[in-house]
PDB file of all heavy atoms in Angstrom:
ATOM      1  N   PRO A   1     -98.981 -49.625-120.389  1.00  0.00           N
ATOM      2  CA  PRO A   1     -99.961 -48.514-120.576  1.00  0.00           C
ATOM      3  C   PRO A   1    -100.364 -48.298-122.011  1.00  0.00           C
ATOM      4  O   PRO A   1    -101.523 -48.022-122.322  1.00  0.00           O
ATOM      5  CB  PRO A   1     -99.238 -47.329-119.947  1.00  0.00           C
ATOM      6  CG  PRO A   1     -97.857 -47.661-119.915  1.00  0.00           C
ATOM      7  CD  PRO A   1     -97.761 -49.120-119.765  1.00  0.00           C
ATOM      8  N   TYR A   2     -99.427 -48.458-122.991  1.00  0.00           N
ATOM      9  CA  TYR A   2     -99.795 -48.261-124.376  1.00  0.00           C
ATOM     10  C   TYR A   2    -100.863 -49.306-124.806  1.00  0.00           C
ATOM     11  O   TYR A   2    -101.839 -48.945-125.432  1.00  0.00           O
ATOM     12  CB  TYR A   2     -98.559 -48.452-125.286  1.00  0.00           C
ATOM     13  CG  TYR A   2     -97.827 -47.181-125.606  1.00  0.00           C
ATOM     14  CD1 TYR A   2     -96.435 -47.220-125.662  1.00  0.00           C
ATOM     15  CD2 TYR A   2     -98.468 -45.973-125.847  1.00  0.00           C
ATOM     16  CE1 TYR A   2     -95.693 -46.072-126.000  1.00  0.00           C
ATOM     17  CE2 TYR A   2     -97.748 -44.834-126.183  1.00  0.00           C
ATOM     18  CZ  TYR A   2     -96.380 -44.851-126.247  1.00  0.00           C
ATOM     19  OH  TYR A   2     -95.660 -43.783-126.554  1.00  0.00           O
ATOM     20  N   ARG A   3    -100.645 -50.544-124.427  1.00  0.00           N
ATOM     21  CA  ARG A   3    -101.604 -51.571-124.844  1.00  0.00           C
ATOM     22  C   ARG A   3    -102.885 -51.525-124.082  1.00  0.00           C
ATOM     23  O   ARG A   3    -103.965 -51.795-124.639  1.00  0.00           O
ATOM     24  CB  ARG A   3    -100.959 -52.965-124.689  1.00  0.00           C
ATOM     25  CG  ARG A   3    -101.759 -54.051-125.356  1.00  0.00           C
ATOM     26  CD  ARG A   3    -101.119 -55.425-125.198  1.00  0.00           C
ATOM     27  NE  ARG A   3    -102.017 -56.458-125.709  1.00  0.00           N
ATOM     28  CZ  ARG A   3    -101.987 -57.721-125.249  1.00  0.00           C
ATOM     29  NH1 ARG A   3    -101.052 -58.120-124.422  1.00  0.00           N
ATOM     30  NH2 ARG A   3    -102.882 -58.590-125.763  1.00  0.00           N
ATOM     31  N   ALA A   4    -102.808 -51.170-122.815  1.00  0.00           N
ATOM     32  CA  ALA A   4    -104.023 -51.128-121.989  1.00  0.00           C
ATOM     33  C   ALA A   4    -104.852 -49.831-122.095  1.00  0.00           C
ATOM     34  O   ALA A   4    -105.988 -49.806-121.748  1.00  0.00           O
ATOM     35  CB  ALA A   4    -103.656 -51.327-120.513  1.00  0.00           C
ATOM     36  N   ALA A   5    -104.267 -48.805-122.692  1.00  0.00           N
ATOM     37  CA  ALA A   5    -104.892 -47.492-122.720  1.00  0.00           C
ATOM     38  C   ALA A   5    -106.303 -47.528-123.320  1.00  0.00           C
ATOM     39  O   ALA A   5    -107.225 -46.811-122.798  1.00  0.00           O
ATOM     40  CB  ALA A   5    -104.041 -46.508-123.495  1.00  0.00           C
ATOM     41  N   PRO A   6    -106.642 -48.348-124.368  1.00  0.00           N
ATOM     42  CA  PRO A   6    -107.968 -48.337-124.834  1.00  0.00           C
ATOM     43  C   PRO A   6    -109.048 -48.810-123.823  1.00  0.00           C
ATOM     44  O   PRO A   6    -110.212 -48.438-123.937  1.00  0.00           O
ATOM     45  CB  PRO A   6    -107.936 -49.354-126.048  1.00  0.00           C
ATOM     46  CG  PRO A   6    -106.533 -49.286-126.466  1.00  0.00           C
ATOM     47  CD  PRO A   6    -105.710 -49.119-125.259  1.00  0.00           C
ATOM     48  N   LEU A   7    -108.608 -49.530-122.830  1.00  0.00           N
ATOM     49  CA  LEU A   7    -109.489 -49.958-121.762  1.00  0.00           C
ATOM     50  C   LEU A   7    -109.859 -48.889-120.780  1.00  0.00           C
ATOM     51  O   LEU A   7    -110.813 -49.020-119.989  1.00  0.00           O
ATOM     52  CB  LEU A   7    -108.880 -51.138-120.964  1.00  0.00           C
ATOM     53  CG  LEU A   7    -108.574 -52.421-121.729  1.00  0.00           C
ATOM     54  CD1 LEU A   7    -107.737 -53.316-120.872  1.00  0.00           C
ATOM     55  CD2 LEU A   7    -109.924 -53.130-122.114  1.00  0.00           C
ATOM     56  N   GLY A   8    -109.118 -47.777-120.826  1.00  0.00           N
ATOM     57  CA  GLY A   8    -109.315 -46.695-119.811  1.00  0.00           C
ATOM     58  C   GLY A   8    -108.373 -46.917-118.623  1.00  0.00           C
ATOM     59  O   GLY A   8    -107.518 -47.835-118.647  1.00  0.00           O
ATOM     60  N   ALA A   9    -108.529 -46.138-117.596  1.00  0.00           N
ATOM     61  CA  ALA A   9    -107.663 -46.226-116.430  1.00  0.00           C
ATOM     62  C   ALA A   9    -108.067 -47.373-115.527  1.00  0.00           C
ATOM     63  O   ALA A   9    -108.440 -47.185-114.341  1.00  0.00           O
ATOM     64  CB  ALA A   9    -107.694 -44.893-115.679  1.00  0.00           C
ATOM     65  N   VAL A  10    -107.929 -48.576-116.033  1.00  0.00           N
ATOM     66  CA  VAL A  10    -108.378 -49.775-115.280  1.00  0.00           C
ATOM     67  C   VAL A  10    -107.237 -50.195-114.321  1.00  0.00           C
ATOM     68  O   VAL A  10    -106.083 -49.843-114.539  1.00  0.00           O
ATOM     69  CB  VAL A  10    -108.743 -50.919-116.222  1.00  0.00           C
ATOM     70  CG1 VAL A  10    -109.962 -50.540-117.044  1.00  0.00           C
ATOM     71  CG2 VAL A  10    -107.586 -51.316-117.152  1.00  0.00           C
ATOM     72  N   ASP A  11    -107.553 -51.009-113.367  1.00  0.00           N
ATOM     73  CA  ASP A  11    -106.589 -51.448-112.355  1.00  0.00           C
ATOM     74  C   ASP A  11    -105.800 -52.650-112.905  1.00  0.00           C
ATOM     75  O   ASP A  11    -106.145 -53.237-113.940  1.00  0.00           O
ATOM     76  CB  ASP A  11    -107.255 -51.778-111.035  1.00  0.00           C
ATOM     77  CG  ASP A  11    -108.347 -52.845-111.126  1.00  0.00           C
ATOM     78  OD1 ASP A  11    -108.305 -53.651-112.030  1.00  0.00           O
ATOM     79  OD2 ASP A  11    -109.201 -52.825-110.252  1.00  0.00           O
ATOM     80  N   ALA A  12    -104.767 -53.046-112.168  1.00  0.00           N
ATOM     81  CA  ALA A  12    -103.884 -54.141-112.575  1.00  0.00           C
ATOM     82  C   ALA A  12    -104.633 -55.410-112.703  1.00  0.00           C
ATOM     83  O   ALA A  12    -104.269 -56.261-113.519  1.00  0.00           O
ATOM     84  CB  ALA A  12    -102.710 -54.219-111.639  1.00  0.00           C
ATOM     85  N   GLU A  13    -105.607 -55.643-111.844  1.00  0.00           N
ATOM     86  CA  GLU A  13    -106.300 -56.919-111.857  1.00  0.00           C
ATOM     87  C   GLU A  13    -107.014 -57.127-113.235  1.00  0.00           C
ATOM     88  O   GLU A  13    -106.961 -58.193-113.766  1.00  0.00           O
ATOM     89  CB  GLU A  13    -107.322 -56.976-110.726  1.00  0.00           C
ATOM     90  CG  GLU A  13    -108.060 -58.316-110.646  1.00  0.00           C
ATOM     91  CD  GLU A  13    -108.962 -58.446-109.448  1.00  0.00           C
ATOM     92  OE1 GLU A  13    -109.060 -57.420-108.687  1.00  0.00           O
ATOM     93  OE2 GLU A  13    -109.609 -59.464-109.258  1.00  0.00           O
ATOM     94  N   ARG A  14    -107.596 -56.024-113.716  1.00  0.00           N
ATOM     95  CA  ARG A  14    -108.343 -56.201-114.985  1.00  0.00           C
ATOM     96  C   ARG A  14    -107.361 -56.237-116.213  1.00  0.00           C
ATOM     97  O   ARG A  14    -107.644 -57.013-117.139  1.00  0.00           O
ATOM     98  CB  ARG A  14    -109.307 -55.016-115.167  1.00  0.00           C
ATOM     99  CG  ARG A  14    -110.633 -55.323-114.418  1.00  0.00           C
ATOM    100  CD  ARG A  14    -111.576 -54.163-114.484  1.00  0.00           C
ATOM    101  NE  ARG A  14    -111.258 -53.113-113.520  1.00  0.00           N
ATOM    102  CZ  ARG A  14    -111.976 -52.068-113.244  1.00  0.00           C
ATOM    103  NH1 ARG A  14    -113.128 -51.865-113.915  1.00  0.00           N
ATOM    104  NH2 ARG A  14    -111.621 -51.171-112.327  1.00  0.00           N
ATOM    105  N   VAL A  15    -106.250 -55.610-116.082  1.00  0.00           N
ATOM    106  CA  VAL A  15    -105.206 -55.761-117.124  1.00  0.00           C
ATOM    107  C   VAL A  15    -104.650 -57.148-117.136  1.00  0.00           C
ATOM    108  O   VAL A  15    -104.445 -57.784-118.168  1.00  0.00           O
ATOM    109  CB  VAL A  15    -104.121 -54.700-116.956  1.00  0.00           C
ATOM    110  CG1 VAL A  15    -103.010 -54.915-118.014  1.00  0.00           C
ATOM    111  CG2 VAL A  15    -104.682 -53.284-117.122  1.00  0.00           C
ATOM    112  N   THR A  16    -104.407 -57.668-115.927  1.00  0.00           N
ATOM    113  CA  THR A  16    -103.918 -59.075-115.830  1.00  0.00           C
ATOM    114  C   THR A  16    -104.863 -60.044-116.506  1.00  0.00           C
ATOM    115  O   THR A  16    -104.440 -60.960-117.173  1.00  0.00           O
ATOM    116  CB  THR A  16    -103.710 -59.445-114.338  1.00  0.00           C
ATOM    117  OG1 THR A  16    -102.736 -58.583-113.757  1.00  0.00           O
ATOM    118  CG2 THR A  16    -103.192 -60.905-114.198  1.00  0.00           C
ATOM    119  N   SER A  17    -106.168 -59.863-116.252  1.00  0.00           N
ATOM    120  CA  SER A  17    -107.187 -60.717-116.850  1.00  0.00           C
ATOM    121  C   SER A  17    -107.138 -60.608-118.376  1.00  0.00           C
ATOM    122  O   SER A  17    -107.205 -61.658-119.061  1.00  0.00           O
ATOM    123  CB  SER A  17    -108.538 -60.306-116.314  1.00  0.00           C
ATOM    124  OG  SER A  17    -109.605 -61.054-116.985  1.00  0.00           O
ATOM    125  N   ALA A  18    -107.076 -59.407-118.891  1.00  0.00           N
ATOM    126  CA  ALA A  18    -107.185 -59.189-120.331  1.00  0.00           C
ATOM    127  C   ALA A  18    -105.894 -59.681-121.038  1.00  0.00           C
ATOM    128  O   ALA A  18    -105.939 -60.219-122.149  1.00  0.00           O
ATOM    129  CB  ALA A  18    -107.418 -57.704-120.594  1.00  0.00           C
ATOM    130  N   PHE A  19    -104.705 -59.450-120.407  1.00  0.00           N
ATOM    131  CA  PHE A  19    -103.476 -59.854-120.990  1.00  0.00           C
ATOM    132  C   PHE A  19    -103.156 -61.315-120.827  1.00  0.00           C
ATOM    133  O   PHE A  19    -102.400 -61.898-121.601  1.00  0.00           O
ATOM    134  CB  PHE A  19    -102.311 -58.982-120.485  1.00  0.00           C
ATOM    135  CG  PHE A  19    -102.266 -57.553-121.003  1.00  0.00           C
ATOM    136  CD1 PHE A  19    -103.409 -56.942-121.597  1.00  0.00           C
ATOM    137  CD2 PHE A  19    -101.166 -56.789-120.815  1.00  0.00           C
ATOM    138  CE1 PHE A  19    -103.406 -55.617-122.017  1.00  0.00           C
ATOM    139  CE2 PHE A  19    -101.101 -55.465-121.259  1.00  0.00           C
ATOM    140  CZ  PHE A  19    -102.234 -54.879-121.819  1.00  0.00           C
ATOM    141  N   TYR A  20    -103.659 -61.878-119.750  1.00  0.00           N
ATOM    142  CA  TYR A  20    -103.711 -63.338-119.475  1.00  0.00           C
ATOM    143  C   TYR A  20    -102.306 -63.925-119.062  1.00  0.00           C
ATOM    144  O   TYR A  20    -102.192 -64.432-117.977  1.00  0.00           O
ATOM    145  CB  TYR A  20    -104.290 -64.145-120.611  1.00  0.00           C
ATOM    146  CG  TYR A  20    -104.737 -65.541-120.167  1.00  0.00           C
ATOM    147  CD1 TYR A  20    -105.837 -65.709-119.293  1.00  0.00           C
ATOM    148  CD2 TYR A  20    -104.109 -66.645-120.604  1.00  0.00           C
ATOM    149  CE1 TYR A  20    -106.231 -66.972-118.914  1.00  0.00           C
ATOM    150  CE2 TYR A  20    -104.483 -67.935-120.216  1.00  0.00           C
ATOM    151  CZ  TYR A  20    -105.566 -68.111-119.383  1.00  0.00           C
ATOM    152  OH  TYR A  20    -105.987 -69.358-118.974  1.00  0.00           O
ATOM    153  N   SER A  21    -101.350 -63.917-119.991  1.00  0.00           N
ATOM    154  CA  SER A  21    -100.157 -64.726-119.708  1.00  0.00           C
ATOM    155  C   SER A  21     -99.042 -64.028-118.936  1.00  0.00           C
ATOM    156  O   SER A  21     -98.025 -64.634-118.675  1.00  0.00           O
ATOM    157  CB  SER A  21     -99.557 -65.261-121.042  1.00  0.00           C
ATOM    158  OG  SER A  21     -99.169 -64.157-121.835  1.00  0.00           O
ATOM    159  N   PHE A  22     -99.273 -62.758-118.529  1.00  0.00           N
ATOM    160  CA  PHE A  22     -98.249 -62.056-117.721  1.00  0.00           C
ATOM    161  C   PHE A  22     -98.501 -62.308-116.255  1.00  0.00           C
ATOM    162  O   PHE A  22     -99.631 -62.404-115.781  1.00  0.00           O
ATOM    163  CB  PHE A  22     -98.328 -60.575-117.977  1.00  0.00           C
ATOM    164  CG  PHE A  22     -97.768 -60.113-119.309  1.00  0.00           C
ATOM    165  CD1 PHE A  22     -98.593 -60.052-120.431  1.00  0.00           C
ATOM    166  CD2 PHE A  22     -96.419 -59.890-119.500  1.00  0.00           C
ATOM    167  CE1 PHE A  22     -98.074 -59.655-121.644  1.00  0.00           C
ATOM    168  CE2 PHE A  22     -95.877 -59.496-120.659  1.00  0.00           C
ATOM    169  CZ  PHE A  22     -96.736 -59.401-121.795  1.00  0.00           C
ATOM    170  N   SER A  23     -97.419 -62.377-115.492  1.00  0.00           N
ATOM    171  CA  SER A  23     -97.465 -62.543-114.046  1.00  0.00           C
ATOM    172  C   SER A  23     -98.248 -61.356-113.493  1.00  0.00           C
ATOM    173  O   SER A  23     -97.984 -60.217-113.838  1.00  0.00           O
ATOM    174  CB  SER A  23     -96.091 -62.594-113.453  1.00  0.00           C
ATOM    175  OG  SER A  23     -96.058 -62.240-112.078  1.00  0.00           O
ATOM    176  N   PRO A  24     -99.165 -61.565-112.531  1.00  0.00           N
ATOM    177  CA  PRO A  24     -99.909 -60.409-111.913  1.00  0.00           C
ATOM    178  C   PRO A  24     -98.911 -59.451-111.259  1.00  0.00           C
ATOM    179  O   PRO A  24     -99.151 -58.250-111.248  1.00  0.00           O
ATOM    180  CB  PRO A  24    -100.759 -61.143-110.866  1.00  0.00           C
ATOM    181  CG  PRO A  24    -100.989 -62.496-111.412  1.00  0.00           C
ATOM    182  CD  PRO A  24     -99.701 -62.849-112.111  1.00  0.00           C
ATOM    183  N   ARG A  25     -97.822 -59.903-110.744  1.00  0.00           N
ATOM    184  CA  ARG A  25     -96.862 -59.021-110.107  1.00  0.00           C
ATOM    185  C   ARG A  25     -96.214 -58.079-111.142  1.00  0.00           C
ATOM    186  O   ARG A  25     -96.066 -56.897-110.864  1.00  0.00           O
ATOM    187  CB  ARG A  25     -95.703 -59.839-109.438  1.00  0.00           C
ATOM    188  CG  ARG A  25     -96.107 -60.711-108.319  1.00  0.00           C
ATOM    189  CD  ARG A  25     -94.900 -61.412-107.695  1.00  0.00           C
ATOM    190  NE  ARG A  25     -94.268 -62.238-108.715  1.00  0.00           N
ATOM    191  CZ  ARG A  25     -94.621 -63.459-109.062  1.00  0.00           C
ATOM    192  NH1 ARG A  25     -95.688 -64.025-108.519  1.00  0.00           N
ATOM    193  NH2 ARG A  25     -93.984 -64.133-109.951  1.00  0.00           N
ATOM    194  N   MET A  26     -95.952 -58.585-112.312  1.00  0.00           N
ATOM    195  CA  MET A  26     -95.341 -57.753-113.391  1.00  0.00           C
ATOM    196  C   MET A  26     -96.370 -56.714-113.834  1.00  0.00           C
ATOM    197  O   MET A  26     -96.019 -55.536-114.065  1.00  0.00           O
ATOM    198  CB  MET A  26     -94.919 -58.648-114.541  1.00  0.00           C
ATOM    199  CG  MET A  26     -94.210 -57.947-115.651  1.00  0.00           C
ATOM    200  SD  MET A  26     -93.628 -59.123-116.891  1.00  0.00           S
ATOM    201  CE  MET A  26     -92.703 -57.960-117.955  1.00  0.00           C
ATOM    202  N   VAL A  27     -97.628 -57.144-113.998  1.00  0.00           N
ATOM    203  CA  VAL A  27     -98.646 -56.169-114.434  1.00  0.00           C
ATOM    204  C   VAL A  27     -98.790 -55.076-113.366  1.00  0.00           C
ATOM    205  O   VAL A  27     -98.876 -53.880-113.687  1.00  0.00           O
ATOM    206  CB  VAL A  27     -99.960 -56.874-114.658  1.00  0.00           C
ATOM    207  CG1 VAL A  27    -101.046 -55.885-115.041  1.00  0.00           C
ATOM    208  CG2 VAL A  27     -99.840 -57.940-115.757  1.00  0.00           C
ATOM    209  N   LEU A  28     -98.831 -55.462-112.098  1.00  0.00           N
ATOM    210  CA  LEU A  28     -99.049 -54.518-111.040  1.00  0.00           C
ATOM    211  C   LEU A  28     -97.874 -53.502-110.993  1.00  0.00           C
ATOM    212  O   LEU A  28     -98.077 -52.272-110.851  1.00  0.00           O
ATOM    213  CB  LEU A  28     -99.134 -55.204-109.681  1.00  0.00           C
ATOM    214  CG  LEU A  28     -99.287 -54.343-108.450  1.00  0.00           C
ATOM    215  CD1 LEU A  28    -100.611 -53.585-108.508  1.00  0.00           C
ATOM    216  CD2 LEU A  28     -99.210 -55.172-107.187  1.00  0.00           C
ATOM    217  N   GLU A  29     -96.676 -53.959-111.216  1.00  0.00           N
ATOM    218  CA  GLU A  29     -95.479 -53.100-111.208  1.00  0.00           C
ATOM    219  C   GLU A  29     -95.593 -51.993-112.205  1.00  0.00           C
ATOM    220  O   GLU A  29     -95.181 -50.845-111.888  1.00  0.00           O
ATOM    221  CB  GLU A  29     -94.210 -53.964-111.500  1.00  0.00           C
ATOM    222  CG  GLU A  29     -92.938 -53.130-111.567  1.00  0.00           C
ATOM    223  CD  GLU A  29     -91.741 -53.931-112.010  1.00  0.00           C
ATOM    224  OE1 GLU A  29     -91.885 -55.197-112.169  1.00  0.00           O
ATOM    225  OE2 GLU A  29     -90.683 -53.339-112.257  1.00  0.00           O
ATOM    226  N   HIS A  30     -96.151 -52.291-113.359  1.00  0.00           N
ATOM    227  CA  HIS A  30     -96.140 -51.280-114.452  1.00  0.00           C
ATOM    228  C   HIS A  30     -97.519 -50.535-114.551  1.00  0.00           C
ATOM    229  O   HIS A  30     -97.534 -49.395-115.017  1.00  0.00           O
ATOM    230  CB  HIS A  30     -95.786 -51.951-115.759  1.00  0.00           C
ATOM    231  CG  HIS A  30     -94.407 -52.515-115.789  1.00  0.00           C
ATOM    232  ND1 HIS A  30     -93.316 -51.672-115.664  1.00  0.00           N
ATOM    233  CD2 HIS A  30     -93.942 -53.751-115.844  1.00  0.00           C
ATOM    234  CE1 HIS A  30     -92.182 -52.444-115.684  1.00  0.00           C
ATOM    235  NE2 HIS A  30     -92.543 -53.699-115.791  1.00  0.00           N
ATOM    236  N   ILE A  31     -98.579 -51.177-114.170  1.00  0.00           N
ATOM    237  CA  ILE A  31     -99.862 -50.503-114.289  1.00  0.00           C
ATOM    238  C   ILE A  31    -100.218 -49.655-113.069  1.00  0.00           C
ATOM    239  O   ILE A  31    -100.854 -48.622-113.198  1.00  0.00           O
ATOM    240  CB  ILE A  31    -100.998 -51.536-114.547  1.00  0.00           C
ATOM    241  CG1 ILE A  31    -100.930 -52.093-115.981  1.00  0.00           C
ATOM    242  CG2 ILE A  31    -102.417 -50.967-114.300  1.00  0.00           C
ATOM    243  CD1 ILE A  31    -101.195 -51.051-117.068  1.00  0.00           C
ATOM    244  N   ASP A  32     -99.743 -50.047-111.917  1.00  0.00           N
ATOM    245  CA  ASP A  32    -100.070 -49.379-110.697  1.00  0.00           C
ATOM    246  C   ASP A  32     -99.727 -47.850-110.825  1.00  0.00           C
ATOM    247  O   ASP A  32    -100.530 -46.973-110.422  1.00  0.00           O
ATOM    248  CB  ASP A  32     -99.372 -49.983-109.463  1.00  0.00           C
ATOM    249  CG  ASP A  32     -99.953 -49.509-108.147  1.00  0.00           C
ATOM    250  OD1 ASP A  32    -101.168 -49.367-108.072  1.00  0.00           O
ATOM    251  OD2 ASP A  32     -99.177 -49.260-107.231  1.00  0.00           O
ATOM    252  N   PRO A  33     -98.537 -47.507-111.344  1.00  0.00           N
ATOM    253  CA  PRO A  33     -98.182 -46.046-111.508  1.00  0.00           C
ATOM    254  C   PRO A  33     -98.596 -45.492-112.847  1.00  0.00           C
ATOM    255  O   PRO A  33     -98.511 -44.250-113.076  1.00  0.00           O
ATOM    256  CB  PRO A  33     -96.673 -46.045-111.334  1.00  0.00           C
ATOM    257  CG  PRO A  33     -96.295 -47.344-111.975  1.00  0.00           C
ATOM    258  CD  PRO A  33     -97.340 -48.378-111.618  1.00  0.00           C
ATOM    259  N   ALA A  34     -99.064 -46.295-113.795  1.00  0.00           N
ATOM    260  CA  ALA A  34     -99.192 -45.861-115.162  1.00  0.00           C
ATOM    261  C   ALA A  34    -100.061 -44.663-115.373  1.00  0.00           C
ATOM    262  O   ALA A  34     -99.734 -43.708-116.050  1.00  0.00           O
ATOM    263  CB  ALA A  34     -99.686 -47.016-116.026  1.00  0.00           C
ATOM    264  N   TRP A  35    -101.287 -44.695-114.738  1.00  0.00           N
ATOM    265  CA  TRP A  35    -102.249 -43.631-115.028  1.00  0.00           C
ATOM    266  C   TRP A  35    -101.946 -42.357-114.224  1.00  0.00           C
ATOM    267  O   TRP A  35    -102.548 -41.327-114.490  1.00  0.00           O
ATOM    268  CB  TRP A  35    -103.665 -44.140-114.721  1.00  0.00           C
ATOM    269  CG  TRP A  35    -103.958 -45.497-115.251  1.00  0.00           C
ATOM    270  CD1 TRP A  35    -104.423 -46.602-114.580  1.00  0.00           C
ATOM    271  CD2 TRP A  35    -103.716 -46.005-116.588  1.00  0.00           C
ATOM    272  NE1 TRP A  35    -104.574 -47.682-115.376  1.00  0.00           N
ATOM    273  CE2 TRP A  35    -104.131 -47.333-116.651  1.00  0.00           C
ATOM    274  CE3 TRP A  35    -103.260 -45.432-117.762  1.00  0.00           C
ATOM    275  CZ2 TRP A  35    -104.076 -48.136-117.782  1.00  0.00           C
ATOM    276  CZ3 TRP A  35    -103.161 -46.191-118.930  1.00  0.00           C
ATOM    277  CH2 TRP A  35    -103.544 -47.530-118.947  1.00  0.00           C
ATOM    278  N   GLU A  36    -101.059 -42.474-113.256  1.00  0.00           N
ATOM    279  CA  GLU A  36    -100.584 -41.223-112.606  1.00  0.00           C
ATOM    280  C   GLU A  36     -99.542 -40.477-113.422  1.00  0.00           C
ATOM    281  O   GLU A  36     -99.394 -39.269-113.333  1.00  0.00           O
ATOM    282  CB  GLU A  36     -99.981 -41.529-111.195  1.00  0.00           C
ATOM    283  CG  GLU A  36    -101.046 -42.142-110.263  1.00  0.00           C
ATOM    284  CD  GLU A  36    -100.442 -42.454-108.856  1.00  0.00           C
ATOM    285  OE1 GLU A  36     -99.274 -42.115-108.685  1.00  0.00           O
ATOM    286  OE2 GLU A  36    -101.153 -43.037-108.051  1.00  0.00           O
TER     287      GLU A  36
END
């Protein structure tokens, strides 16, 4: 969430795309609850 925050409350798919080398599962685990 710290790194993705400038993008706004985007979903895990878009964070996965922007961060590139992280597993989509790992991104989903941490981004899915982040903005709540």
